[in-house]
Amino acid sequence: MTAHSITIPLKSGTNPSFQFETLHVESANVVIQADPTQHVLPNIQLELNSIANNTTYSTFLWHHTDAEGYQSINYPKAFQNYIFKLTFTTKDDIALVVKKIDFEMPFYIELGRTASIENLNMTFVHCIGEWSEDIHGNQHSAFNTYNISLSEEHEQHNISFTSLDCADKKKLLLTWKQYTFIILEDSDKALKLQVSKI
């Protein structure tokens, strides 16, 4: 454990609860699906329930590796001023890392949740699915519109944007005050952000 992070070893099944600063993490449940015929890392899912400042947070962290070795993850996830992520080298060496969120640190924020870095608060307010149709009523493009509410001390601001264009792999940059918000990934359930000070 350092001043800004804690690493908790995990085992398959139910794990003990723990406290980190104002954050209480209830007993976490880990499911490991290892395929003995594959020479890839196991598929891991962690059910996480936590409480901070009288607010509860329930989520899943998962790591999936397919037969070709492609890895898919949905963390680190943000909750208030903390992020949660998994680290592991084998199915017997898995840990949950809890850190304070900092600038330049990529993280996922789920719909309806707030992440905080110092005095900056970011809430993923909503995602609205939209589409366009041709004159015959055929849908030919679909996209989402996202809204993030920002606040710092007594100032508030909303930023809105549409889905990233997956074909060109470009990231979206938005600014407010002295902050730059890089939208790395988007979905109807979570956004992957990176925040920098200008």
N, C-alpha and C. Protein backbone atom coordinates (compact mmCIF):
# COMPACT_ATOMS: atom_id res chain seq x y z
N MET A 1 0.84 -1.18 0.00
CA MET A 1 0.00 0.00 0.00
C MET A 1 0.88 1.24 0.00
N THR A 2 0.52 2.21 -0.87
CA THR A 2 1.20 3.50 -0.86
C THR A 2 0.20 4.55 -0.40
N ALA A 3 0.62 5.80 -0.38
CA ALA A 3 -0.28 6.86 0.08
C ALA A 3 -1.49 7.02 -0.84
N HIS A 4 -1.35 6.66 -2.12
CA HIS A 4 -2.43 6.88 -3.07
C HIS A 4 -2.98 5.62 -3.70
N SER A 5 -2.54 4.44 -3.24
CA SER A 5 -3.06 3.20 -3.83
C SER A 5 -2.94 2.04 -2.85
N ILE A 6 -3.71 1.00 -3.15
CA ILE A 6 -3.64 -0.23 -2.37
C ILE A 6 -3.83 -1.39 -3.34
N THR A 7 -3.09 -2.47 -3.12
CA THR A 7 -3.20 -3.68 -3.94
C THR A 7 -3.65 -4.81 -3.04
N ILE A 8 -4.77 -5.44 -3.42
CA ILE A 8 -5.37 -6.51 -2.63
C ILE A 8 -5.30 -7.81 -3.43
N PRO A 9 -4.56 -8.82 -2.96
CA PRO A 9 -4.55 -10.12 -3.65
C PRO A 9 -5.94 -10.74 -3.64
N LEU A 10 -6.31 -11.39 -4.74
CA LEU A 10 -7.62 -12.01 -4.87
C LEU A 10 -7.47 -13.49 -5.16
N LYS A 11 -8.48 -14.24 -4.76
CA LYS A 11 -8.55 -15.66 -5.10
C LYS A 11 -9.90 -15.93 -5.74
N SER A 12 -10.03 -17.04 -6.40
CA SER A 12 -11.30 -17.42 -6.99
C SER A 12 -12.34 -17.58 -5.89
N GLY A 13 -13.55 -17.06 -6.12
CA GLY A 13 -14.60 -17.11 -5.11
C GLY A 13 -14.72 -15.80 -4.37
N THR A 14 -15.23 -15.86 -3.14
CA THR A 14 -15.47 -14.65 -2.34
C THR A 14 -14.20 -14.24 -1.61
N ASN A 15 -13.91 -12.94 -1.65
CA ASN A 15 -12.72 -12.37 -1.00
C ASN A 15 -13.14 -11.44 0.12
N PRO A 16 -12.29 -11.24 1.14
CA PRO A 16 -12.66 -10.40 2.28
C PRO A 16 -12.85 -8.93 1.89
N SER A 17 -13.66 -8.23 2.67
CA SER A 17 -13.85 -6.80 2.46
C SER A 17 -12.63 -6.05 2.99
N PHE A 18 -12.47 -4.77 2.56
CA PHE A 18 -11.35 -3.96 3.05
C PHE A 18 -11.71 -2.48 2.97
N GLN A 19 -10.94 -1.68 3.67
CA GLN A 19 -11.13 -0.23 3.73
C GLN A 19 -9.90 0.45 3.16
N PHE A 20 -10.11 1.48 2.32
CA PHE A 20 -9.02 2.31 1.81
C PHE A 20 -9.48 3.76 1.87
N GLU A 21 -8.88 4.53 2.76
CA GLU A 21 -9.29 5.91 3.01
C GLU A 21 -10.78 5.93 3.33
N THR A 22 -11.60 6.70 2.56
CA THR A 22 -13.04 6.77 2.84
C THR A 22 -13.83 5.71 2.07
N LEU A 23 -13.13 4.84 1.36
CA LEU A 23 -13.76 3.83 0.51
C LEU A 23 -13.81 2.49 1.23
N HIS A 24 -15.02 1.90 1.29
CA HIS A 24 -15.18 0.56 1.84
C HIS A 24 -15.54 -0.37 0.68
N VAL A 25 -14.73 -1.40 0.47
CA VAL A 25 -15.00 -2.39 -0.58
C VAL A 25 -15.50 -3.65 0.10
N GLU A 26 -16.73 -4.04 -0.26
CA GLU A 26 -17.33 -5.23 0.31
C GLU A 26 -16.69 -6.47 -0.31
N SER A 27 -17.01 -7.63 0.24
CA SER A 27 -16.41 -8.87 -0.24
C SER A 27 -16.60 -9.00 -1.75
N ALA A 28 -15.49 -9.12 -2.46
CA ALA A 28 -15.50 -9.19 -3.92
C ALA A 28 -15.55 -10.65 -4.36
N ASN A 29 -16.33 -10.91 -5.39
CA ASN A 29 -16.46 -12.27 -5.91
C ASN A 29 -15.70 -12.37 -7.24
N VAL A 30 -14.78 -13.33 -7.33
CA VAL A 30 -13.96 -13.51 -8.53
C VAL A 30 -14.33 -14.83 -9.20
N VAL A 31 -14.57 -14.76 -10.50
CA VAL A 31 -14.82 -15.96 -11.31
C VAL A 31 -13.69 -16.06 -12.32
N ILE A 32 -13.03 -17.21 -12.36
CA ILE A 32 -11.92 -17.43 -13.29
C ILE A 32 -12.30 -18.58 -14.21
N GLN A 33 -12.22 -18.33 -15.51
CA GLN A 33 -12.50 -19.38 -16.49
C GLN A 33 -11.23 -19.59 -17.30
N ALA A 34 -10.49 -20.60 -16.95
CA ALA A 34 -9.25 -20.89 -17.67
C ALA A 34 -9.47 -22.09 -18.58
N ASP A 35 -9.02 -21.97 -19.81
CA ASP A 35 -9.11 -23.07 -20.76
C ASP A 35 -7.76 -23.77 -20.79
N PRO A 36 -7.67 -24.99 -20.27
CA PRO A 36 -6.37 -25.66 -20.19
C PRO A 36 -5.75 -25.97 -21.55
N THR A 37 -6.56 -25.92 -22.63
CA THR A 37 -6.00 -26.21 -23.96
C THR A 37 -5.38 -24.98 -24.59
N GLN A 38 -5.62 -23.81 -24.03
CA GLN A 38 -5.09 -22.57 -24.59
C GLN A 38 -3.89 -22.11 -23.77
N HIS A 39 -2.93 -21.51 -24.44
CA HIS A 39 -1.78 -20.94 -23.75
C HIS A 39 -1.94 -19.43 -23.65
N VAL A 40 -3.09 -19.01 -23.17
CA VAL A 40 -3.39 -17.59 -23.01
C VAL A 40 -3.81 -17.35 -21.57
N LEU A 41 -3.86 -16.09 -21.19
CA LEU A 41 -4.29 -15.75 -19.84
C LEU A 41 -5.76 -16.10 -19.65
N PRO A 42 -6.17 -16.39 -18.42
CA PRO A 42 -7.55 -16.82 -18.18
C PRO A 42 -8.54 -15.66 -18.33
N ASN A 43 -9.81 -16.01 -18.51
CA ASN A 43 -10.88 -15.02 -18.49
C ASN A 43 -11.26 -14.80 -17.03
N ILE A 44 -11.30 -13.54 -16.62
CA ILE A 44 -11.53 -13.20 -15.22
C ILE A 44 -12.67 -12.20 -15.13
N GLN A 45 -13.55 -12.41 -14.18
CA GLN A 45 -14.61 -11.45 -13.90
C GLN A 45 -14.66 -11.20 -12.40
N LEU A 46 -14.66 -9.93 -12.02
CA LEU A 46 -14.71 -9.53 -10.62
C LEU A 46 -15.99 -8.75 -10.38
N GLU A 47 -16.81 -9.23 -9.46
CA GLU A 47 -17.99 -8.49 -9.03
C GLU A 47 -17.57 -7.61 -7.87
N LEU A 48 -17.76 -6.30 -8.02
CA LEU A 48 -17.25 -5.33 -7.05
C LEU A 48 -18.38 -4.48 -6.50
N ASN A 49 -18.47 -4.40 -5.17
CA ASN A 49 -19.45 -3.55 -4.50
C ASN A 49 -18.69 -2.69 -3.50
N SER A 50 -18.90 -1.37 -3.58
CA SER A 50 -18.17 -0.48 -2.69
C SER A 50 -19.05 0.68 -2.25
N ILE A 51 -18.60 1.34 -1.19
CA ILE A 51 -19.32 2.49 -0.62
C ILE A 51 -18.30 3.56 -0.30
N ALA A 52 -18.60 4.81 -0.71
CA ALA A 52 -17.76 5.96 -0.34
C ALA A 52 -18.68 7.16 -0.18
N ASN A 53 -18.51 7.89 0.90
CA ASN A 53 -19.31 9.09 1.15
C ASN A 53 -20.81 8.83 1.01
N ASN A 54 -21.27 7.73 1.61
CA ASN A 54 -22.69 7.33 1.61
C ASN A 54 -23.25 7.04 0.22
N THR A 55 -22.39 6.77 -0.75
CA THR A 55 -22.82 6.41 -2.10
C THR A 55 -22.34 5.00 -2.40
N THR A 56 -23.24 4.15 -2.88
CA THR A 56 -22.85 2.78 -3.21
C THR A 56 -22.52 2.67 -4.69
N TYR A 57 -21.68 1.71 -5.00
CA TYR A 57 -21.24 1.49 -6.37
C TYR A 57 -21.09 -0.01 -6.58
N SER A 58 -21.77 -0.52 -7.60
CA SER A 58 -21.68 -1.94 -7.96
C SER A 58 -21.29 -2.03 -9.42
N THR A 59 -20.32 -2.87 -9.72
CA THR A 59 -19.88 -3.02 -11.10
C THR A 59 -19.18 -4.35 -11.28
N PHE A 60 -18.79 -4.63 -12.51
CA PHE A 60 -17.99 -5.81 -12.84
C PHE A 60 -16.74 -5.34 -13.56
N LEU A 61 -15.61 -5.91 -13.19
CA LEU A 61 -14.37 -5.73 -13.95
C LEU A 61 -14.12 -7.06 -14.64
N TRP A 62 -13.81 -7.02 -15.93
CA TRP A 62 -13.54 -8.28 -16.61
C TRP A 62 -12.37 -8.17 -17.57
N HIS A 63 -11.73 -9.31 -17.73
CA HIS A 63 -10.63 -9.47 -18.67
C HIS A 63 -10.91 -10.72 -19.48
N HIS A 64 -10.93 -10.58 -20.79
CA HIS A 64 -11.22 -11.72 -21.66
C HIS A 64 -10.12 -11.84 -22.70
N THR A 65 -9.62 -13.04 -22.89
CA THR A 65 -8.63 -13.31 -23.94
C THR A 65 -9.21 -14.37 -24.86
N ASP A 66 -9.27 -14.05 -26.17
CA ASP A 66 -9.83 -15.03 -27.10
C ASP A 66 -8.76 -16.00 -27.58
N ALA A 67 -9.14 -16.94 -28.44
CA ALA A 67 -8.23 -17.99 -28.89
C ALA A 67 -7.02 -17.45 -29.65
N GLU A 68 -7.17 -16.27 -30.28
CA GLU A 68 -6.05 -15.67 -31.00
C GLU A 68 -5.16 -14.82 -30.10
N GLY A 69 -5.53 -14.71 -28.81
CA GLY A 69 -4.73 -13.93 -27.87
C GLY A 69 -5.14 -12.48 -27.76
N TYR A 70 -6.22 -12.07 -28.45
CA TYR A 70 -6.70 -10.69 -28.35
C TYR A 70 -7.33 -10.48 -26.97
N GLN A 71 -6.91 -9.42 -26.28
CA GLN A 71 -7.41 -9.16 -24.93
C GLN A 71 -8.44 -8.04 -24.95
N SER A 72 -9.51 -8.22 -24.19
CA SER A 72 -10.56 -7.23 -24.05
C SER A 72 -10.77 -6.98 -22.56
N ILE A 73 -10.70 -5.70 -22.15
CA ILE A 73 -10.88 -5.36 -20.74
C ILE A 73 -11.82 -4.16 -20.62
N ASN A 74 -12.41 -3.97 -19.45
CA ASN A 74 -13.30 -2.83 -19.22
C ASN A 74 -12.86 -2.02 -17.99
N TYR A 75 -11.60 -1.94 -17.73
CA TYR A 75 -11.08 -1.20 -16.59
C TYR A 75 -9.80 -0.49 -16.99
N PRO A 76 -9.31 0.48 -16.21
CA PRO A 76 -9.74 0.87 -14.86
C PRO A 76 -11.07 1.63 -14.88
N LYS A 77 -11.90 1.36 -13.88
CA LYS A 77 -13.19 2.03 -13.75
C LYS A 77 -13.13 3.05 -12.62
N ALA A 78 -13.80 4.18 -12.86
CA ALA A 78 -13.77 5.27 -11.90
C ALA A 78 -15.03 5.29 -11.05
N PHE A 79 -14.85 5.59 -9.78
CA PHE A 79 -15.94 5.82 -8.84
C PHE A 79 -15.47 6.90 -7.88
N GLN A 80 -16.13 8.05 -7.94
CA GLN A 80 -15.73 9.23 -7.17
C GLN A 80 -14.27 9.54 -7.48
N ASN A 81 -13.37 9.57 -6.50
CA ASN A 81 -11.98 9.91 -6.82
C ASN A 81 -11.05 8.69 -6.79
N TYR A 82 -11.62 7.50 -7.05
CA TYR A 82 -10.85 6.26 -7.08
C TYR A 82 -11.02 5.57 -8.43
N ILE A 83 -10.02 4.78 -8.79
CA ILE A 83 -10.17 3.86 -9.92
C ILE A 83 -9.88 2.45 -9.43
N PHE A 84 -10.52 1.49 -10.10
CA PHE A 84 -10.35 0.07 -9.79
C PHE A 84 -9.81 -0.62 -11.03
N LYS A 85 -8.80 -1.47 -10.85
CA LYS A 85 -8.31 -2.26 -11.98
C LYS A 85 -7.79 -3.60 -11.48
N LEU A 86 -7.71 -4.56 -12.39
CA LEU A 86 -7.15 -5.87 -12.08
C LEU A 86 -5.72 -5.94 -12.59
N THR A 87 -4.88 -6.66 -11.86
CA THR A 87 -3.55 -7.00 -12.35
C THR A 87 -3.36 -8.49 -12.14
N PHE A 88 -2.68 -9.14 -13.07
CA PHE A 88 -2.41 -10.57 -12.90
C PHE A 88 -1.39 -11.03 -13.92
N THR A 89 -0.73 -12.12 -13.56
CA THR A 89 0.18 -12.78 -14.49
C THR A 89 -0.28 -14.20 -14.77
N THR A 90 -0.93 -14.83 -13.78
CA THR A 90 -1.51 -16.16 -13.95
C THR A 90 -2.84 -16.18 -13.20
N LYS A 91 -3.58 -17.29 -13.34
CA LYS A 91 -4.86 -17.38 -12.63
C LYS A 91 -4.67 -17.48 -11.12
N ASP A 92 -3.45 -17.76 -10.67
CA ASP A 92 -3.18 -17.84 -9.24
C ASP A 92 -2.56 -16.56 -8.68
N ASP A 93 -2.34 -15.57 -9.54
CA ASP A 93 -1.70 -14.32 -9.13
C ASP A 93 -2.54 -13.14 -9.63
N ILE A 94 -3.69 -12.92 -8.98
CA ILE A 94 -4.63 -11.87 -9.37
C ILE A 94 -4.75 -10.88 -8.22
N ALA A 95 -4.83 -9.59 -8.56
CA ALA A 95 -4.97 -8.58 -7.52
C ALA A 95 -5.89 -7.46 -8.00
N LEU A 96 -6.57 -6.85 -7.05
CA LEU A 96 -7.36 -5.65 -7.29
C LEU A 96 -6.52 -4.46 -6.84
N VAL A 97 -6.35 -3.49 -7.73
CA VAL A 97 -5.61 -2.28 -7.41
C VAL A 97 -6.61 -1.13 -7.32
N VAL A 98 -6.58 -0.40 -6.21
CA VAL A 98 -7.41 0.78 -6.02
C VAL A 98 -6.47 1.97 -5.90
N LYS A 99 -6.70 2.99 -6.75
CA LYS A 99 -5.84 4.18 -6.76
C LYS A 99 -6.68 5.43 -6.75
N LYS A 100 -6.07 6.52 -6.31
CA LYS A 100 -6.68 7.83 -6.49
C LYS A 100 -6.55 8.20 -7.96
N ILE A 101 -7.62 8.74 -8.55
CA ILE A 101 -7.55 9.17 -9.95
C ILE A 101 -6.65 10.40 -10.04
N ASP A 102 -5.87 10.46 -11.11
CA ASP A 102 -5.00 11.60 -11.33
C ASP A 102 -5.10 12.01 -12.80
N PHE A 103 -4.61 13.20 -13.09
CA PHE A 103 -4.59 13.67 -14.47
C PHE A 103 -3.70 12.75 -15.31
N GLU A 104 -4.00 12.66 -16.59
CA GLU A 104 -3.28 11.83 -17.57
C GLU A 104 -3.55 10.34 -17.41
N MET A 105 -4.41 9.95 -16.49
CA MET A 105 -4.69 8.54 -16.22
C MET A 105 -5.99 8.14 -16.94
N PRO A 106 -5.93 7.27 -17.95
CA PRO A 106 -7.16 6.85 -18.63
C PRO A 106 -8.06 6.03 -17.69
N PHE A 107 -9.38 6.23 -17.81
CA PHE A 107 -10.31 5.48 -16.98
C PHE A 107 -11.68 5.43 -17.65
N TYR A 108 -12.46 4.41 -17.26
CA TYR A 108 -13.84 4.29 -17.72
C TYR A 108 -14.75 4.90 -16.66
N ILE A 109 -15.75 5.66 -17.12
CA ILE A 109 -16.78 6.17 -16.23
C ILE A 109 -18.11 5.64 -16.75
N GLU A 110 -18.87 5.03 -15.85
CA GLU A 110 -20.14 4.42 -16.25
C GLU A 110 -21.27 5.44 -16.23
N LEU A 111 -22.30 5.15 -17.00
CA LEU A 111 -23.47 6.01 -17.10
C LEU A 111 -24.06 6.27 -15.72
N GLY A 112 -24.29 7.54 -15.41
CA GLY A 112 -24.87 7.93 -14.13
C GLY A 112 -23.87 8.09 -13.00
N ARG A 113 -22.60 7.84 -13.26
CA ARG A 113 -21.57 7.90 -12.21
C ARG A 113 -20.75 9.18 -12.31
N THR A 114 -20.12 9.52 -11.19
CA THR A 114 -19.27 10.71 -11.10
C THR A 114 -17.85 10.30 -10.78
N ALA A 115 -16.90 10.91 -11.49
CA ALA A 115 -15.48 10.73 -11.21
C ALA A 115 -14.92 12.10 -10.84
N SER A 116 -13.97 12.13 -9.91
CA SER A 116 -13.41 13.39 -9.44
C SER A 116 -11.89 13.34 -9.44
N ILE A 117 -11.29 14.41 -9.97
CA ILE A 117 -9.84 14.59 -9.90
C ILE A 117 -9.63 15.96 -9.26
N GLU A 118 -9.02 15.95 -8.08
CA GLU A 118 -8.86 17.18 -7.30
C GLU A 118 -10.24 17.83 -7.14
N ASN A 119 -10.43 19.08 -7.60
CA ASN A 119 -11.72 19.77 -7.45
C ASN A 119 -12.64 19.62 -8.67
N LEU A 120 -12.19 18.89 -9.67
CA LEU A 120 -12.96 18.71 -10.90
C LEU A 120 -13.85 17.48 -10.78
N ASN A 121 -15.16 17.66 -10.99
CA ASN A 121 -16.12 16.56 -10.97
C ASN A 121 -16.70 16.35 -12.36
N MET A 122 -16.77 15.09 -12.79
CA MET A 122 -17.30 14.74 -14.11
C MET A 122 -18.38 13.69 -13.92
N THR A 123 -19.58 13.95 -14.42
CA THR A 123 -20.68 12.99 -14.33
C THR A 123 -21.14 12.63 -15.74
N PHE A 124 -21.15 11.33 -16.04
CA PHE A 124 -21.67 10.85 -17.33
C PHE A 124 -23.19 10.84 -17.18
N VAL A 125 -23.83 11.88 -17.71
CA VAL A 125 -25.25 12.13 -17.46
C VAL A 125 -26.15 11.25 -18.31
N HIS A 126 -25.95 11.27 -19.62
CA HIS A 126 -26.81 10.43 -20.46
C HIS A 126 -26.19 10.12 -21.81
N CYS A 127 -26.78 9.10 -22.41
CA CYS A 127 -26.43 8.66 -23.75
C CYS A 127 -27.75 8.45 -24.48
N ILE A 128 -27.92 9.13 -25.61
CA ILE A 128 -29.16 9.01 -26.37
C ILE A 128 -28.83 8.41 -27.74
N GLY A 129 -29.45 7.29 -28.06
CA GLY A 129 -29.26 6.65 -29.35
C GLY A 129 -30.11 7.33 -30.41
N GLU A 130 -29.49 7.63 -31.55
CA GLU A 130 -30.20 8.30 -32.64
C GLU A 130 -29.85 7.60 -33.95
N TRP A 131 -30.65 7.84 -34.98
CA TRP A 131 -30.37 7.28 -36.29
C TRP A 131 -31.01 8.16 -37.35
N SER A 132 -30.57 7.98 -38.57
CA SER A 132 -31.17 8.71 -39.69
C SER A 132 -31.73 7.69 -40.68
N GLU A 133 -32.75 8.12 -41.39
CA GLU A 133 -33.42 7.25 -42.36
C GLU A 133 -33.47 7.93 -43.72
N ASP A 134 -33.49 7.11 -44.75
CA ASP A 134 -33.67 7.67 -46.09
C ASP A 134 -35.16 7.87 -46.34
N ILE A 135 -35.52 8.33 -47.52
CA ILE A 135 -36.93 8.65 -47.80
C ILE A 135 -37.83 7.42 -47.81
N HIS A 136 -37.24 6.23 -47.87
CA HIS A 136 -38.01 4.99 -47.85
C HIS A 136 -38.13 4.40 -46.44
N GLY A 137 -37.59 5.10 -45.44
CA GLY A 137 -37.67 4.63 -44.07
C GLY A 137 -36.59 3.65 -43.67
N ASN A 138 -35.58 3.47 -44.52
CA ASN A 138 -34.47 2.57 -44.20
C ASN A 138 -33.42 3.29 -43.37
N GLN A 139 -33.04 2.67 -42.27
CA GLN A 139 -32.01 3.26 -41.42
C GLN A 139 -30.66 3.12 -42.11
N HIS A 140 -29.92 4.23 -42.25
CA HIS A 140 -28.62 4.10 -42.90
C HIS A 140 -27.47 4.62 -42.04
N SER A 141 -27.73 5.23 -40.92
CA SER A 141 -26.65 5.55 -39.99
C SER A 141 -27.22 5.67 -38.59
N ALA A 142 -26.45 5.22 -37.63
CA ALA A 142 -26.87 5.29 -36.23
C ALA A 142 -25.70 5.84 -35.42
N PHE A 143 -26.03 6.60 -34.40
CA PHE A 143 -24.99 7.17 -33.55
C PHE A 143 -25.60 7.49 -32.19
N ASN A 144 -24.73 7.74 -31.23
CA ASN A 144 -25.15 8.13 -29.88
C ASN A 144 -24.73 9.57 -29.63
N THR A 145 -25.53 10.27 -28.84
CA THR A 145 -25.16 11.60 -28.35
C THR A 145 -24.94 11.48 -26.85
N TYR A 146 -23.79 11.96 -26.40
CA TYR A 146 -23.38 11.84 -25.00
C TYR A 146 -23.38 13.20 -24.32
N ASN A 147 -23.64 13.20 -23.01
CA ASN A 147 -23.58 14.42 -22.22
C ASN A 147 -22.81 14.15 -20.94
N ILE A 148 -21.82 15.01 -20.68
CA ILE A 148 -21.04 14.94 -19.44
C ILE A 148 -21.22 16.27 -18.72
N SER A 149 -21.58 16.20 -17.45
CA SER A 149 -21.70 17.40 -16.61
C SER A 149 -20.39 17.61 -15.87
N LEU A 150 -19.84 18.81 -15.97
CA LEU A 150 -18.58 19.16 -15.32
C LEU A 150 -18.83 20.20 -14.25
N SER A 151 -18.10 20.12 -13.17
CA SER A 151 -18.18 21.16 -12.15
C SER A 151 -16.84 21.30 -11.44
N GLU A 152 -16.57 22.52 -11.05
CA GLU A 152 -15.38 22.82 -10.26
C GLU A 152 -15.75 23.97 -9.34
N GLU A 153 -15.72 23.69 -8.05
CA GLU A 153 -16.15 24.65 -7.03
C GLU A 153 -17.56 25.14 -7.37
N HIS A 154 -17.76 26.42 -7.73
CA HIS A 154 -19.11 26.93 -7.97
C HIS A 154 -19.46 27.03 -9.45
N GLU A 155 -18.57 26.56 -10.33
CA GLU A 155 -18.82 26.64 -11.76
C GLU A 155 -19.29 25.30 -12.29
N GLN A 156 -20.25 25.36 -13.24
CA GLN A 156 -20.76 24.14 -13.87
C GLN A 156 -20.79 24.33 -15.38
N HIS A 157 -20.65 23.21 -16.08
CA HIS A 157 -20.66 23.25 -17.54
C HIS A 157 -21.06 21.87 -18.05
N ASN A 158 -21.78 21.82 -19.16
CA ASN A 158 -22.12 20.55 -19.81
C ASN A 158 -21.42 20.47 -21.15
N ILE A 159 -20.87 19.30 -21.45
CA ILE A 159 -20.30 19.08 -22.77
C ILE A 159 -21.06 17.93 -23.42
N SER A 160 -21.34 18.10 -24.71
CA SER A 160 -22.05 17.06 -25.47
C SER A 160 -21.24 16.74 -26.71
N PHE A 161 -21.33 15.50 -27.16
CA PHE A 161 -20.63 15.07 -28.36
C PHE A 161 -21.32 13.84 -28.91
N THR A 162 -21.03 13.52 -30.16
CA THR A 162 -21.61 12.33 -30.78
C THR A 162 -20.57 11.21 -30.82
N SER A 163 -21.02 10.03 -31.17
CA SER A 163 -20.17 8.83 -31.18
C SER A 163 -18.87 9.06 -31.94
N LEU A 164 -17.83 8.39 -31.46
CA LEU A 164 -16.56 8.41 -32.17
C LEU A 164 -16.71 7.64 -33.48
N ASP A 165 -15.98 8.06 -34.49
CA ASP A 165 -15.97 7.34 -35.76
C ASP A 165 -14.95 6.22 -35.65
N CYS A 166 -15.44 4.99 -35.48
CA CYS A 166 -14.54 3.85 -35.28
C CYS A 166 -13.63 3.60 -36.48
N ALA A 167 -14.07 4.01 -37.67
CA ALA A 167 -13.29 3.74 -38.87
C ALA A 167 -11.99 4.52 -38.91
N ASP A 168 -12.01 5.79 -38.45
CA ASP A 168 -10.78 6.58 -38.56
C ASP A 168 -9.91 6.53 -37.31
N LYS A 169 -10.39 5.88 -36.23
CA LYS A 169 -9.61 5.67 -35.01
C LYS A 169 -9.14 6.97 -34.35
N LYS A 170 -9.79 8.08 -34.67
CA LYS A 170 -9.40 9.35 -34.06
C LYS A 170 -10.04 9.48 -32.68
N LYS A 171 -9.34 10.17 -31.80
CA LYS A 171 -9.87 10.46 -30.48
C LYS A 171 -10.47 11.86 -30.50
N LEU A 172 -11.45 12.09 -29.67
CA LEU A 172 -12.11 13.39 -29.60
C LEU A 172 -11.53 14.19 -28.44
N LEU A 173 -11.17 15.45 -28.69
CA LEU A 173 -10.65 16.33 -27.65
C LEU A 173 -11.66 17.44 -27.38
N LEU A 174 -12.01 17.61 -26.11
CA LEU A 174 -12.91 18.67 -25.68
C LEU A 174 -12.21 19.47 -24.59
N THR A 175 -12.51 20.75 -24.48
CA THR A 175 -11.85 21.56 -23.46
C THR A 175 -12.88 22.34 -22.64
N TRP A 176 -12.52 22.58 -21.41
CA TRP A 176 -13.27 23.46 -20.51
C TRP A 176 -12.28 24.02 -19.50
N LYS A 177 -12.30 25.35 -19.38
CA LYS A 177 -11.37 26.03 -18.49
C LYS A 177 -9.95 25.57 -18.83
N GLN A 178 -9.20 25.09 -17.84
CA GLN A 178 -7.81 24.67 -18.09
C GLN A 178 -7.69 23.16 -18.29
N TYR A 179 -8.79 22.49 -18.65
CA TYR A 179 -8.79 21.04 -18.78
C TYR A 179 -9.05 20.60 -20.22
N THR A 180 -8.38 19.52 -20.60
CA THR A 180 -8.65 18.86 -21.87
C THR A 180 -9.18 17.46 -21.56
N PHE A 181 -10.28 17.11 -22.20
CA PHE A 181 -10.91 15.80 -22.02
C PHE A 181 -10.75 15.03 -23.32
N ILE A 182 -10.04 13.92 -23.26
CA ILE A 182 -9.85 13.08 -24.44
C ILE A 182 -10.81 11.90 -24.33
N ILE A 183 -11.69 11.77 -25.31
CA ILE A 183 -12.63 10.65 -25.35
C ILE A 183 -11.94 9.52 -26.11
N LEU A 184 -11.55 8.47 -25.40
CA LEU A 184 -10.80 7.37 -25.99
C LEU A 184 -11.72 6.28 -26.55
N GLU A 185 -12.83 6.01 -25.85
CA GLU A 185 -13.81 5.01 -26.29
C GLU A 185 -15.18 5.46 -25.83
N ASP A 186 -16.21 5.03 -26.56
CA ASP A 186 -17.57 5.34 -26.14
C ASP A 186 -18.49 4.14 -26.34
N SER A 187 -19.46 4.02 -25.46
CA SER A 187 -20.52 3.03 -25.60
C SER A 187 -21.73 3.59 -24.86
N ASP A 188 -22.86 2.91 -24.95
CA ASP A 188 -24.05 3.42 -24.27
C ASP A 188 -24.00 3.20 -22.77
N LYS A 189 -23.01 2.46 -22.27
CA LYS A 189 -22.92 2.19 -20.83
C LYS A 189 -21.72 2.83 -20.15
N ALA A 190 -20.66 3.15 -20.91
CA ALA A 190 -19.45 3.71 -20.30
C ALA A 190 -18.64 4.50 -21.33
N LEU A 191 -17.89 5.47 -20.83
CA LEU A 191 -16.96 6.25 -21.65
C LEU A 191 -15.56 6.04 -21.09
N LYS A 192 -14.59 5.97 -21.98
CA LYS A 192 -13.20 5.93 -21.54
C LYS A 192 -12.60 7.31 -21.78
N LEU A 193 -12.17 7.95 -20.69
CA LEU A 193 -11.67 9.32 -20.74
C LEU A 193 -10.23 9.40 -20.27
N GLN A 194 -9.59 10.48 -20.68
CA GLN A 194 -8.30 10.87 -20.11
C GLN A 194 -8.35 12.38 -19.96
N VAL A 195 -8.04 12.88 -18.78
CA VAL A 195 -8.16 14.30 -18.50
C VAL A 195 -6.78 14.89 -18.26
N SER A 196 -6.52 16.03 -18.89
CA SER A 196 -5.23 16.71 -18.74
C SER A 196 -5.47 18.16 -18.34
N LYS A 197 -4.49 18.73 -17.66
CA LYS A 197 -4.50 20.17 -17.39
C LYS A 197 -3.74 20.86 -18.50
N ILE A 198 -4.30 21.95 -19.02
CA ILE A 198 -3.65 22.69 -20.10
C ILE A 198 -2.55 23.57 -19.51
